[in-house]
Protein backbone atom coordinates (compact mmCIF):
# COMPACT_ATOMS: atom_id res chain seq x y z
CA UNK A 1 -40.70 -28.04 42.99
CA UNK A 2 -36.94 -27.65 42.48
CA UNK A 3 -37.37 -28.13 38.75
CA UNK A 4 -40.08 -25.46 38.64
CA UNK A 5 -37.86 -23.02 40.53
CA UNK A 6 -34.98 -23.74 38.16
CA UNK A 7 -37.23 -23.20 35.14
CA UNK A 8 -38.46 -19.91 36.61
CA UNK A 9 -34.86 -18.73 37.12
CA UNK A 10 -33.96 -19.73 33.56
CA UNK A 11 -37.01 -17.92 32.23
CA UNK A 12 -36.12 -14.80 34.24
CA UNK A 13 -32.54 -14.92 32.96
CA UNK A 14 -33.82 -15.29 29.42
CA UNK A 15 -35.99 -12.17 29.85
CA UNK A 16 -33.04 -10.23 31.25
CA UNK A 17 -30.85 -11.31 28.34
CA UNK A 18 -33.60 -10.30 25.92
CA UNK A 19 -34.00 -6.90 27.58
CA UNK A 20 -30.25 -6.35 27.45
CA UNK A 21 -30.21 -7.23 23.76
CA UNK A 22 -32.99 -4.69 23.12
CA UNK A 23 -31.11 -2.01 25.09
CA UNK A 24 -27.92 -2.74 23.15
CA UNK A 25 -29.65 -2.73 19.77
CA UNK A 26 -31.82 0.30 20.37
CA UNK A 27 -28.97 2.19 22.05
CA UNK A 28 -26.63 1.53 19.13
CA UNK A 29 -29.35 2.59 16.71
CA UNK A 30 -29.84 5.85 18.64
CA UNK A 31 -26.09 6.47 18.60
CA UNK A 32 -25.97 5.84 14.83
CA UNK A 33 -28.81 8.32 14.39
CA UNK A 34 -26.87 10.86 16.48
CA UNK A 35 -29.51 10.76 19.24
CA UNK A 36 -26.85 10.72 21.93
CA UNK A 37 -29.00 12.19 24.72
CA UNK A 38 -31.68 9.55 24.20
CA UNK A 39 -29.07 6.79 24.10
CA UNK A 40 -27.52 8.12 27.31
CA UNK A 41 -30.91 8.10 29.03
CA UNK A 42 -31.55 4.53 27.89
CA UNK A 43 -28.16 3.31 29.13
CA UNK A 44 -28.53 5.11 32.46
CA UNK A 45 -31.96 3.60 33.03
CA UNK A 46 -30.72 0.10 32.21
CA UNK A 47 -27.71 0.48 34.50
CA UNK A 48 -29.94 1.33 37.46
CA UNK A 49 -30.98 -2.31 37.51
CA UNK A 50 -27.75 -3.75 36.09
CA UNK A 51 -24.91 -1.60 37.43
CA UNK A 52 -22.18 -4.17 36.73
CA UNK A 53 -22.78 -4.44 32.97
CA UNK A 54 -19.43 -3.21 31.67
CA UNK A 55 -20.47 -3.21 28.02
CA UNK A 56 -23.44 -0.90 28.67
CA UNK A 57 -21.22 1.22 30.96
CA UNK A 58 -18.85 1.59 28.02
CA UNK A 59 -21.68 2.69 25.73
CA UNK A 60 -22.84 5.18 28.36
CA UNK A 61 -19.33 6.60 28.58
CA UNK A 62 -19.13 6.86 24.78
CA UNK A 63 -22.45 8.72 24.56
CA UNK A 64 -21.45 11.03 27.43
CA UNK A 65 -18.07 11.76 25.82
CA UNK A 66 -19.72 12.63 22.52
CA UNK A 67 -22.22 14.92 24.23
CA UNK A 68 -19.39 16.65 26.11
CA UNK A 69 -17.46 17.19 22.86
CA UNK A 70 -20.56 18.56 21.14
CA UNK A 71 -21.13 20.97 24.03
CA UNK A 72 -17.52 22.18 23.85
CA UNK A 73 -17.86 22.62 20.09
CA UNK A 74 -21.05 24.66 20.54
CA UNK A 75 -19.26 26.88 23.05
CA UNK A 76 -16.32 27.44 20.71
CA UNK A 77 -18.51 28.17 17.70
CA UNK A 78 -20.70 30.47 19.78
CA UNK A 79 -17.69 32.53 20.86
CA UNK A 80 -16.39 32.96 17.30
CA UNK A 81 -19.63 34.24 15.80
């Protein structure tokens, strides 16, 4: 019974690690494709269940910073036209 519980925990951890790897890979791909809003949504959703993941938090901050800069740029360009 203890062995089965341990195997279940290891399997669950393996799934979580796999999910994290998918989030990282897909999120980075979205960022490379300049799909910052989609990447931000992905990172936010992941962090709901894994709020202490500092690497994903960093990617979320990066996507948010880029979106903020793009919004500021749009406002500046809009005022000069």
